[in-house]
Every structure is written in C-alpha cells, then in structure tokens.
Amino acid sequence: MGMLLAKLWSLFGNEEHKIVIVGLDNAGKTTILYQFLMNDVVQTSPTIGSNVEEIVWKNIHFIMWDLGGQESLRVAWNTYYIHTEFIILVVDSTDRERLSISREELHKVVNQDELKNAAILLFANKQDVKGCMSVAEISRQLNLTSIKTHRWQIQPCCALTGEGLYQGLEWISNNIKRK
C-alpha cells in the first residue's frame, strides 16, 4: 500500500527545483518573481538581501530565490548557489550603460564551481520600452555564444505584463526533463 501511495504522490510533482534569480538592481527580478507567484504586478522596493517564494507551475515545484542586485549585495550571491539547478539572469534591456556589468556578473556565475551543472535562463526584460536593445544585441554584448559549459537560453520578456515569462519556465521545465 505504501508503494502505491508513493507512486501516486510522485505523479503529482512533489519534487522541488531551486532557481536563483540574479541581475543588476532595477532589472525587474522581484517583479518577475511576483508575476510568477500571483500573475500580477506588485509594487516593490529595492531588494535588500533576498526574497524566496515557492512557485508551482505545470505540477513542478520551484523554490525561487530573488537576490538583491545592488553592487554591495552582488558579492554575496555565491552564498545562495549551493544546490541551484537554474540561474535566471534578468537584464534590463534599456540599460545600455550597465550592460558590461551584467556581462561581468554573468561570466562570474558561469565560473562558479557550485553552478557547474546549472542551466542559465536570461530574461531580456523591458522589451515593451521603445528604443530598448534587441535580444540579438544583448546576446552579442553579453558574448553568450562563448558560453560552452552551460545550457543557456535568452528570452525576451516584459515583467509588467508577464509576456515571455512562461516561455522561460517552459524552457526550464524542458531542461528538468533532460537531466
């Protein structure tokens, strides 16, 4: 009887997957987290430390850690990396001046031993803003094609409307199945 219950329970997706959301301050990380949680825009203030929420999507349980993106907080990101399966890097598609900093942070993530098996989803946020950088431009500026050690995907999105966010989760769920 116990085996039958265990098999039935496994059909309902009791497995948890850890995702860490990083990016520079004001990129939209917290807005994305709460868009996933409530399918709505929540008024946020700059994250000091972290936010953590459990998101259930298509019967998959994600524990999502949203980390503060201010320069003084980025040095502590690596303390959250243990057992992380996916990194979501959120890039502000309107912030041309700091894209080089996002590139540096991305390549720090790629070189972390704790993340050697993690896949990377890049959300090119704020695609709804006129004059924003295209996904191709962001990809080129971040030098994504040089990343050979991790599975990665770049996804255009708008955190305010939710457009593109679930396509990113779909990519993550497909990568869970590939493990």
N, C-alpha and C. Protein backbone atom coordinates (compact mmCIF):
# COMPACT_ATOMS: atom_id res chain seq x y z
N MET A 1 0.83 -1.20 0.00
CA MET A 1 0.00 0.00 0.00
C MET A 1 0.87 1.26 0.00
N GLY A 2 1.95 1.24 0.78
CA GLY A 2 2.85 2.40 0.86
C GLY A 2 3.49 2.72 -0.48
N MET A 3 3.88 1.68 -1.23
CA MET A 3 4.49 1.89 -2.54
C MET A 3 3.49 2.52 -3.51
N LEU A 4 2.25 2.07 -3.43
CA LEU A 4 1.21 2.61 -4.29
C LEU A 4 1.00 4.10 -4.01
N LEU A 5 0.93 4.46 -2.73
CA LEU A 5 0.77 5.87 -2.36
C LEU A 5 1.98 6.70 -2.81
N ALA A 6 3.16 6.16 -2.66
CA ALA A 6 4.37 6.88 -3.09
C ALA A 6 4.36 7.12 -4.59
N LYS A 7 3.94 6.10 -5.36
CA LYS A 7 3.87 6.27 -6.81
C LYS A 7 2.81 7.28 -7.21
N LEU A 8 1.67 7.23 -6.54
CA LEU A 8 0.62 8.22 -6.82
C LEU A 8 1.10 9.63 -6.49
N TRP A 9 1.77 9.79 -5.33
CA TRP A 9 2.26 11.10 -4.92
C TRP A 9 3.28 11.65 -5.92
N SER A 10 4.12 10.77 -6.46
CA SER A 10 5.12 11.23 -7.43
C SER A 10 4.48 11.75 -8.71
N LEU A 11 3.30 11.25 -9.03
CA LEU A 11 2.59 11.75 -10.21
C LEU A 11 2.16 13.20 -10.04
N PHE A 12 2.04 13.64 -8.81
CA PHE A 12 1.58 15.00 -8.55
C PHE A 12 2.73 15.98 -8.35
N GLY A 13 3.92 15.58 -8.64
CA GLY A 13 5.05 16.51 -8.70
C GLY A 13 5.49 17.06 -7.36
N ASN A 14 6.02 16.21 -6.48
CA ASN A 14 6.46 16.68 -5.18
C ASN A 14 7.94 17.06 -5.18
N GLU A 15 8.58 17.01 -6.33
CA GLU A 15 9.99 17.33 -6.44
C GLU A 15 10.17 18.84 -6.50
N GLU A 16 11.17 19.36 -5.78
CA GLU A 16 11.45 20.80 -5.79
C GLU A 16 12.73 21.06 -6.58
N HIS A 17 12.73 22.20 -7.26
CA HIS A 17 13.88 22.61 -8.05
C HIS A 17 14.25 24.02 -7.64
N LYS A 18 15.52 24.21 -7.32
CA LYS A 18 15.99 25.51 -6.85
C LYS A 18 16.42 26.39 -8.01
N ILE A 19 15.88 27.60 -8.01
CA ILE A 19 16.22 28.61 -9.01
C ILE A 19 16.69 29.85 -8.27
N VAL A 20 17.79 30.42 -8.70
CA VAL A 20 18.27 31.69 -8.14
C VAL A 20 18.15 32.75 -9.23
N ILE A 21 17.48 33.85 -8.89
CA ILE A 21 17.27 34.96 -9.82
C ILE A 21 18.25 36.07 -9.47
N VAL A 22 19.11 36.42 -10.43
CA VAL A 22 20.11 37.46 -10.22
C VAL A 22 20.00 38.50 -11.34
N GLY A 23 20.66 39.60 -11.13
CA GLY A 23 20.69 40.68 -12.11
C GLY A 23 20.96 41.98 -11.38
N LEU A 24 21.27 43.00 -12.12
CA LEU A 24 21.55 44.29 -11.51
C LEU A 24 20.29 44.87 -10.88
N ASP A 25 20.48 45.83 -9.99
CA ASP A 25 19.34 46.49 -9.37
C ASP A 25 18.47 47.14 -10.45
N ASN A 26 17.17 47.12 -10.23
CA ASN A 26 16.19 47.72 -11.12
C ASN A 26 16.02 46.98 -12.46
N ALA A 27 16.47 45.74 -12.51
CA ALA A 27 16.31 44.96 -13.75
C ALA A 27 14.91 44.35 -13.86
N GLY A 28 14.25 44.14 -12.71
CA GLY A 28 12.90 43.56 -12.72
C GLY A 28 12.81 42.19 -12.09
N LYS A 29 13.81 41.79 -11.31
CA LYS A 29 13.84 40.45 -10.71
C LYS A 29 12.64 40.20 -9.80
N THR A 30 12.38 41.12 -8.89
CA THR A 30 11.29 40.94 -7.94
C THR A 30 9.94 41.00 -8.64
N THR A 31 9.80 41.86 -9.62
CA THR A 31 8.56 41.93 -10.39
C THR A 31 8.30 40.61 -11.09
N ILE A 32 9.33 39.99 -11.63
CA ILE A 32 9.20 38.69 -12.28
C ILE A 32 8.79 37.63 -11.26
N LEU A 33 9.44 37.61 -10.11
CA LEU A 33 9.11 36.63 -9.07
C LEU A 33 7.63 36.71 -8.70
N TYR A 34 7.15 37.92 -8.45
CA TYR A 34 5.76 38.05 -8.03
C TYR A 34 4.77 37.92 -9.19
N GLN A 35 5.23 38.13 -10.40
CA GLN A 35 4.39 37.83 -11.56
C GLN A 35 4.16 36.31 -11.63
N PHE A 36 5.22 35.53 -11.36
CA PHE A 36 5.08 34.08 -11.32
C PHE A 36 4.17 33.65 -10.17
N LEU A 37 4.33 34.28 -9.03
CA LEU A 37 3.58 33.88 -7.84
C LEU A 37 2.10 34.25 -7.92
N MET A 38 1.80 35.47 -8.35
CA MET A 38 0.43 35.97 -8.28
C MET A 38 -0.17 36.34 -9.63
N ASN A 39 0.65 36.22 -10.70
CA ASN A 39 0.19 36.61 -12.03
C ASN A 39 -0.31 38.05 -12.03
N ASP A 40 0.40 38.89 -11.31
CA ASP A 40 0.02 40.29 -11.16
C ASP A 40 1.26 41.11 -10.85
N VAL A 41 1.16 42.41 -11.07
CA VAL A 41 2.26 43.31 -10.75
C VAL A 41 2.08 43.77 -9.31
N VAL A 42 3.14 43.68 -8.55
CA VAL A 42 3.14 44.09 -7.15
C VAL A 42 4.11 45.25 -7.01
N GLN A 43 3.69 46.28 -6.29
CA GLN A 43 4.59 47.40 -6.01
C GLN A 43 5.75 46.89 -5.18
N THR A 44 6.96 47.11 -5.64
CA THR A 44 8.14 46.61 -4.92
C THR A 44 9.08 47.76 -4.60
N SER A 45 9.99 47.49 -3.68
CA SER A 45 11.08 48.42 -3.39
C SER A 45 12.36 47.63 -3.59
N PRO A 46 13.50 48.30 -3.67
CA PRO A 46 14.75 47.57 -3.89
C PRO A 46 14.93 46.44 -2.87
N THR A 47 15.33 45.29 -3.36
CA THR A 47 15.52 44.12 -2.51
C THR A 47 16.82 44.26 -1.74
N ILE A 48 16.71 44.20 -0.44
CA ILE A 48 17.88 44.19 0.44
C ILE A 48 17.98 42.76 0.96
N GLY A 49 18.96 42.03 0.48
CA GLY A 49 19.08 40.62 0.82
C GLY A 49 18.41 39.77 -0.24
N SER A 50 17.31 39.10 0.15
CA SER A 50 16.65 38.20 -0.80
C SER A 50 15.17 38.06 -0.50
N ASN A 51 14.45 37.59 -1.49
CA ASN A 51 13.06 37.15 -1.36
C ASN A 51 13.06 35.70 -1.80
N VAL A 52 12.24 34.89 -1.18
CA VAL A 52 12.12 33.50 -1.60
C VAL A 52 10.65 33.12 -1.63
N GLU A 53 10.26 32.44 -2.70
CA GLU A 53 8.87 32.00 -2.86
C GLU A 53 8.86 30.63 -3.51
N GLU A 54 7.82 29.86 -3.18
CA GLU A 54 7.60 28.60 -3.87
C GLU A 54 6.60 28.86 -4.99
N ILE A 55 6.99 28.50 -6.18
CA ILE A 55 6.16 28.66 -7.36
C ILE A 55 5.83 27.26 -7.88
N VAL A 56 4.56 27.00 -8.12
CA VAL A 56 4.15 25.73 -8.71
C VAL A 56 3.62 26.04 -10.09
N TRP A 57 4.22 25.39 -11.08
CA TRP A 57 3.83 25.61 -12.46
C TRP A 57 3.86 24.26 -13.18
N LYS A 58 2.75 23.91 -13.80
CA LYS A 58 2.63 22.62 -14.50
C LYS A 58 3.07 21.46 -13.61
N ASN A 59 2.63 21.53 -12.36
CA ASN A 59 2.91 20.47 -11.40
C ASN A 59 4.39 20.35 -11.03
N ILE A 60 5.16 21.38 -11.31
CA ILE A 60 6.58 21.41 -10.94
C ILE A 60 6.73 22.45 -9.84
N HIS A 61 7.42 22.07 -8.78
CA HIS A 61 7.64 22.97 -7.65
C HIS A 61 9.02 23.63 -7.78
N PHE A 62 9.00 24.94 -7.83
CA PHE A 62 10.25 25.70 -7.89
C PHE A 62 10.40 26.49 -6.60
N ILE A 63 11.57 26.45 -6.02
CA ILE A 63 11.91 27.37 -4.94
C ILE A 63 12.76 28.44 -5.59
N MET A 64 12.21 29.66 -5.67
CA MET A 64 12.88 30.76 -6.36
C MET A 64 13.42 31.77 -5.36
N TRP A 65 14.71 31.99 -5.45
CA TRP A 65 15.41 32.99 -4.64
C TRP A 65 15.69 34.20 -5.51
N ASP A 66 15.15 35.33 -5.13
CA ASP A 66 15.36 36.61 -5.81
C ASP A 66 16.39 37.37 -4.98
N LEU A 67 17.56 37.62 -5.56
CA LEU A 67 18.66 38.24 -4.81
C LEU A 67 18.80 39.71 -5.17
N GLY A 68 19.07 40.53 -4.17
CA GLY A 68 19.28 41.96 -4.38
C GLY A 68 20.41 42.20 -5.36
N GLY A 69 20.24 43.20 -6.22
CA GLY A 69 21.21 43.43 -7.29
C GLY A 69 22.13 44.62 -7.10
N GLN A 70 22.01 45.30 -5.96
CA GLN A 70 22.92 46.43 -5.74
C GLN A 70 24.36 45.91 -5.66
N GLU A 71 25.29 46.76 -6.05
CA GLU A 71 26.70 46.35 -6.10
C GLU A 71 27.16 45.74 -4.77
N SER A 72 26.78 46.33 -3.65
CA SER A 72 27.23 45.83 -2.35
C SER A 72 26.65 44.46 -2.02
N LEU A 73 25.54 44.07 -2.66
CA LEU A 73 24.91 42.78 -2.39
C LEU A 73 25.37 41.68 -3.35
N ARG A 74 25.87 42.06 -4.51
CA ARG A 74 26.26 41.06 -5.51
C ARG A 74 27.40 40.17 -5.04
N VAL A 75 28.24 40.66 -4.17
CA VAL A 75 29.36 39.85 -3.68
C VAL A 75 28.87 38.66 -2.86
N ALA A 76 27.63 38.71 -2.37
CA ALA A 76 27.08 37.62 -1.55
C ALA A 76 26.24 36.64 -2.35
N TRP A 77 26.06 36.87 -3.64
CA TRP A 77 25.23 35.96 -4.44
C TRP A 77 25.70 34.52 -4.30
N ASN A 78 27.00 34.30 -4.29
CA ASN A 78 27.53 32.93 -4.29
C ASN A 78 27.12 32.14 -3.04
N THR A 79 26.70 32.81 -1.97
CA THR A 79 26.27 32.08 -0.77
C THR A 79 24.93 31.37 -1.00
N TYR A 80 24.23 31.70 -2.06
CA TYR A 80 22.94 31.08 -2.38
C TYR A 80 23.04 29.97 -3.42
N TYR A 81 24.20 29.74 -3.98
CA TYR A 81 24.34 28.88 -5.15
C TYR A 81 24.28 27.38 -4.87
N ILE A 82 24.55 26.94 -3.65
CA ILE A 82 24.59 25.51 -3.37
C ILE A 82 23.24 24.86 -3.75
N HIS A 83 23.27 23.78 -4.47
CA HIS A 83 22.11 23.00 -4.92
C HIS A 83 21.22 23.74 -5.91
N THR A 84 21.74 24.78 -6.55
CA THR A 84 20.95 25.52 -7.55
C THR A 84 20.99 24.77 -8.87
N GLU A 85 19.80 24.56 -9.44
CA GLU A 85 19.70 23.88 -10.73
C GLU A 85 19.63 24.86 -11.90
N PHE A 86 19.06 26.04 -11.63
CA PHE A 86 18.87 27.03 -12.68
C PHE A 86 19.18 28.42 -12.15
N ILE A 87 19.85 29.19 -12.96
CA ILE A 87 20.06 30.61 -12.70
C ILE A 87 19.20 31.36 -13.70
N ILE A 88 18.45 32.32 -13.20
CA ILE A 88 17.78 33.26 -14.08
C ILE A 88 18.51 34.59 -13.92
N LEU A 89 19.10 35.05 -15.01
CA LEU A 89 19.74 36.36 -15.02
C LEU A 89 18.79 37.32 -15.72
N VAL A 90 18.38 38.36 -15.02
CA VAL A 90 17.48 39.35 -15.59
C VAL A 90 18.30 40.55 -16.03
N VAL A 91 18.13 40.92 -17.29
CA VAL A 91 18.83 42.06 -17.87
C VAL A 91 17.81 43.12 -18.23
N ASP A 92 18.08 44.35 -17.84
CA ASP A 92 17.25 45.49 -18.22
C ASP A 92 17.62 45.87 -19.65
N SER A 93 16.72 45.64 -20.58
CA SER A 93 17.00 45.88 -21.99
C SER A 93 17.15 47.35 -22.34
N THR A 94 16.86 48.25 -21.41
CA THR A 94 17.01 49.68 -21.66
C THR A 94 18.30 50.24 -21.07
N ASP A 95 19.02 49.44 -20.30
CA ASP A 95 20.19 49.92 -19.55
C ASP A 95 21.49 49.62 -20.30
N ARG A 96 21.70 50.36 -21.37
CA ARG A 96 22.90 50.17 -22.19
C ARG A 96 24.19 50.44 -21.40
N GLU A 97 24.14 51.45 -20.54
CA GLU A 97 25.34 51.87 -19.82
C GLU A 97 25.89 50.78 -18.90
N ARG A 98 25.00 49.92 -18.38
CA ARG A 98 25.47 48.92 -17.41
C ARG A 98 25.47 47.50 -17.98
N LEU A 99 25.26 47.35 -19.27
CA LEU A 99 25.26 46.01 -19.85
C LEU A 99 26.61 45.32 -19.67
N SER A 100 27.68 46.07 -19.69
CA SER A 100 29.01 45.47 -19.48
C SER A 100 29.13 44.90 -18.06
N ILE A 101 28.47 45.52 -17.10
CA ILE A 101 28.48 44.99 -15.73
C ILE A 101 27.67 43.69 -15.68
N SER A 102 26.54 43.66 -16.39
CA SER A 102 25.76 42.42 -16.46
C SER A 102 26.59 41.30 -17.08
N ARG A 103 27.38 41.64 -18.11
CA ARG A 103 28.25 40.64 -18.75
C ARG A 103 29.27 40.11 -17.73
N GLU A 104 29.88 40.99 -16.96
CA GLU A 104 30.84 40.56 -15.93
C GLU A 104 30.18 39.64 -14.92
N GLU A 105 28.98 40.00 -14.47
CA GLU A 105 28.28 39.18 -13.48
C GLU A 105 27.90 37.82 -14.07
N LEU A 106 27.47 37.81 -15.32
CA LEU A 106 27.13 36.55 -15.98
C LEU A 106 28.35 35.63 -16.02
N HIS A 107 29.48 36.17 -16.39
CA HIS A 107 30.68 35.33 -16.51
C HIS A 107 31.22 34.91 -15.14
N LYS A 108 30.94 35.68 -14.09
CA LYS A 108 31.25 35.22 -12.72
C LYS A 108 30.38 34.02 -12.37
N VAL A 109 29.09 34.10 -12.73
CA VAL A 109 28.17 33.00 -12.48
C VAL A 109 28.64 31.74 -13.20
N VAL A 110 29.00 31.87 -14.46
CA VAL A 110 29.43 30.73 -15.26
C VAL A 110 30.65 30.06 -14.65
N ASN A 111 31.50 30.81 -13.98
CA ASN A 111 32.74 30.27 -13.43
C ASN A 111 32.62 29.76 -11.99
N GLN A 112 31.43 29.78 -11.42
CA GLN A 112 31.23 29.29 -10.06
C GLN A 112 31.19 27.77 -10.04
N ASP A 113 32.00 27.14 -9.19
CA ASP A 113 32.00 25.68 -9.09
C ASP A 113 30.64 25.13 -8.68
N GLU A 114 29.95 25.83 -7.78
CA GLU A 114 28.64 25.36 -7.30
C GLU A 114 27.60 25.34 -8.42
N LEU A 115 27.86 26.06 -9.50
CA LEU A 115 26.89 26.18 -10.59
C LEU A 115 27.32 25.44 -11.85
N LYS A 116 28.31 24.55 -11.73
CA LYS A 116 28.83 23.90 -12.93
C LYS A 116 27.77 23.07 -13.67
N ASN A 117 26.73 22.62 -12.97
CA ASN A 117 25.67 21.84 -13.62
C ASN A 117 24.39 22.63 -13.82
N ALA A 118 24.40 23.90 -13.47
CA ALA A 118 23.19 24.72 -13.58
C ALA A 118 23.00 25.22 -15.01
N ALA A 119 21.76 25.28 -15.42
CA ALA A 119 21.41 25.89 -16.71
C ALA A 119 21.07 27.36 -16.45
N ILE A 120 21.24 28.18 -17.47
CA ILE A 120 21.07 29.63 -17.32
C ILE A 120 19.99 30.13 -18.27
N LEU A 121 19.00 30.78 -17.68
CA LEU A 121 17.96 31.45 -18.45
C LEU A 121 18.18 32.94 -18.31
N LEU A 122 18.33 33.63 -19.42
CA LEU A 122 18.48 35.08 -19.39
C LEU A 122 17.17 35.71 -19.83
N PHE A 123 16.60 36.53 -18.98
CA PHE A 123 15.40 37.28 -19.35
C PHE A 123 15.84 38.66 -19.79
N ALA A 124 15.59 38.99 -21.06
CA ALA A 124 15.83 40.34 -21.58
C ALA A 124 14.56 41.12 -21.28
N ASN A 125 14.50 41.72 -20.10
CA ASN A 125 13.30 42.38 -19.60
C ASN A 125 13.13 43.78 -20.21
N LYS A 126 11.94 44.29 -20.08
CA LYS A 126 11.55 45.63 -20.52
C LYS A 126 11.56 45.76 -22.05
N GLN A 127 11.22 44.66 -22.72
CA GLN A 127 11.15 44.66 -24.17
C GLN A 127 10.01 45.52 -24.70
N ASP A 128 9.12 45.94 -23.81
CA ASP A 128 8.00 46.79 -24.20
C ASP A 128 8.38 48.27 -24.30
N VAL A 129 9.58 48.62 -23.86
CA VAL A 129 10.01 50.01 -23.85
C VAL A 129 10.62 50.38 -25.20
N LYS A 130 10.11 51.45 -25.76
CA LYS A 130 10.61 51.91 -27.06
C LYS A 130 12.11 52.21 -26.97
N GLY A 131 12.86 51.75 -27.97
CA GLY A 131 14.30 52.00 -28.02
C GLY A 131 15.13 51.02 -27.21
N CYS A 132 14.49 49.98 -26.66
CA CYS A 132 15.27 49.01 -25.89
C CYS A 132 16.18 48.20 -26.82
N MET A 133 17.17 47.57 -26.24
CA MET A 133 18.07 46.71 -27.01
C MET A 133 17.34 45.44 -27.41
N SER A 134 17.62 44.95 -28.59
CA SER A 134 17.03 43.69 -29.05
C SER A 134 17.72 42.52 -28.34
N VAL A 135 17.07 41.37 -28.41
CA VAL A 135 17.66 40.16 -27.85
C VAL A 135 18.98 39.84 -28.54
N ALA A 136 19.05 40.05 -29.85
CA ALA A 136 20.29 39.80 -30.59
C ALA A 136 21.41 40.71 -30.11
N GLU A 137 21.10 41.99 -29.89
CA GLU A 137 22.11 42.93 -29.40
C GLU A 137 22.58 42.56 -28.00
N ILE A 138 21.65 42.22 -27.12
CA ILE A 138 22.02 41.83 -25.77
C ILE A 138 22.87 40.57 -25.80
N SER A 139 22.47 39.60 -26.60
CA SER A 139 23.22 38.36 -26.74
C SER A 139 24.65 38.63 -27.19
N ARG A 140 24.78 39.50 -28.18
CA ARG A 140 26.11 39.85 -28.69
C ARG A 140 26.94 40.56 -27.62
N GLN A 141 26.34 41.53 -26.93
CA GLN A 141 27.06 42.30 -25.91
C GLN A 141 27.46 41.44 -24.71
N LEU A 142 26.63 40.45 -24.38
CA LEU A 142 26.95 39.56 -23.27
C LEU A 142 27.90 38.43 -23.68
N ASN A 143 28.15 38.33 -24.99
CA ASN A 143 29.03 37.29 -25.53
C ASN A 143 28.52 35.88 -25.18
N LEU A 144 27.22 35.69 -25.38
CA LEU A 144 26.59 34.42 -24.99
C LEU A 144 27.14 33.23 -25.75
N THR A 145 27.50 33.41 -26.99
CA THR A 145 27.99 32.26 -27.77
C THR A 145 29.31 31.71 -27.24
N SER A 146 29.99 32.48 -26.38
CA SER A 146 31.23 31.98 -25.79
C SER A 146 30.97 31.01 -24.63
N ILE A 147 29.74 30.93 -24.17
CA ILE A 147 29.41 30.04 -23.04
C ILE A 147 29.16 28.65 -23.58
N LYS A 148 30.13 27.79 -23.34
CA LYS A 148 30.06 26.41 -23.84
C LYS A 148 29.86 25.40 -22.71
N THR A 149 30.00 25.83 -21.47
CA THR A 149 29.97 24.93 -20.33
C THR A 149 28.58 24.77 -19.71
N HIS A 150 27.63 25.60 -20.10
CA HIS A 150 26.28 25.57 -19.52
C HIS A 150 25.24 25.62 -20.63
N ARG A 151 24.11 24.96 -20.39
CA ARG A 151 22.96 25.15 -21.26
C ARG A 151 22.42 26.54 -20.94
N TRP A 152 22.06 27.30 -21.96
CA TRP A 152 21.52 28.63 -21.72
C TRP A 152 20.48 28.98 -22.78
N GLN A 153 19.66 29.94 -22.43
CA GLN A 153 18.62 30.43 -23.31
C GLN A 153 18.39 31.90 -22.98
N ILE A 154 18.20 32.73 -23.99
CA ILE A 154 17.82 34.12 -23.77
C ILE A 154 16.38 34.28 -24.23
N GLN A 155 15.58 34.93 -23.39
CA GLN A 155 14.15 35.06 -23.63
C GLN A 155 13.73 36.52 -23.49
N PRO A 156 13.17 37.11 -24.54
CA PRO A 156 12.64 38.46 -24.38
C PRO A 156 11.41 38.43 -23.48
N CYS A 157 11.23 39.47 -22.66
CA CYS A 157 10.07 39.47 -21.78
C CYS A 157 9.71 40.89 -21.34
N CYS A 158 8.55 40.96 -20.73
CA CYS A 158 8.08 42.17 -20.07
C CYS A 158 7.52 41.73 -18.73
N ALA A 159 8.22 42.05 -17.65
CA ALA A 159 7.78 41.63 -16.32
C ALA A 159 6.43 42.22 -15.95
N LEU A 160 6.12 43.40 -16.44
CA LEU A 160 4.87 44.06 -16.06
C LEU A 160 3.65 43.36 -16.63
N THR A 161 3.77 42.82 -17.84
CA THR A 161 2.63 42.14 -18.47
C THR A 161 2.72 40.63 -18.35
N GLY A 162 3.91 40.12 -18.05
CA GLY A 162 4.13 38.67 -18.00
C GLY A 162 4.51 38.07 -19.34
N GLU A 163 4.51 38.89 -20.39
CA GLU A 163 4.83 38.39 -21.72
C GLU A 163 6.25 37.82 -21.75
N GLY A 164 6.37 36.58 -22.22
CA GLY A 164 7.66 35.92 -22.36
C GLY A 164 8.11 35.15 -21.13
N LEU A 165 7.52 35.42 -19.98
CA LEU A 165 7.99 34.77 -18.74
C LEU A 165 7.71 33.27 -18.75
N TYR A 166 6.52 32.89 -19.17
CA TYR A 166 6.17 31.47 -19.13
C TYR A 166 6.88 30.66 -20.20
N GLN A 167 7.28 31.32 -21.28
CA GLN A 167 8.13 30.63 -22.26
C GLN A 167 9.47 30.28 -21.62
N GLY A 168 9.95 31.16 -20.75
CA GLY A 168 11.17 30.87 -20.00
C GLY A 168 11.00 29.69 -19.06
N LEU A 169 9.86 29.64 -18.35
CA LEU A 169 9.60 28.49 -17.48
C LEU A 169 9.46 27.20 -18.28
N GLU A 170 8.90 27.32 -19.46
CA GLU A 170 8.78 26.14 -20.33
C GLU A 170 10.17 25.60 -20.69
N TRP A 171 11.11 26.51 -21.00
CA TRP A 171 12.48 26.10 -21.30
C TRP A 171 13.10 25.41 -20.08
N ILE A 172 12.86 25.97 -18.88
CA ILE A 172 13.37 25.36 -17.66
C ILE A 172 12.78 23.97 -17.48
N SER A 173 11.46 23.85 -17.64
CA SER A 173 10.82 22.52 -17.42
C SER A 173 11.34 21.50 -18.43
N ASN A 174 11.59 21.92 -19.66
CA ASN A 174 12.17 21.01 -20.65
C ASN A 174 13.58 20.58 -20.26
N ASN A 175 14.32 21.45 -19.60
CA ASN A 175 15.67 21.12 -19.15
C ASN A 175 15.66 20.25 -17.91
N ILE A 176 14.61 20.30 -17.12
CA ILE A 176 14.47 19.37 -15.98
C ILE A 176 14.31 17.97 -16.53
N LYS A 177 13.52 17.83 -17.57
CA LYS A 177 13.26 16.52 -18.16
C LYS A 177 14.50 15.94 -18.83
N ARG A 178 15.44 16.81 -19.24
CA ARG A 178 16.66 16.36 -19.92
C ARG A 178 17.70 15.83 -18.97
N LYS A 179 17.53 16.08 -17.68
CA LYS A 179 18.55 15.66 -16.70
C LYS A 179 18.63 14.17 -16.56
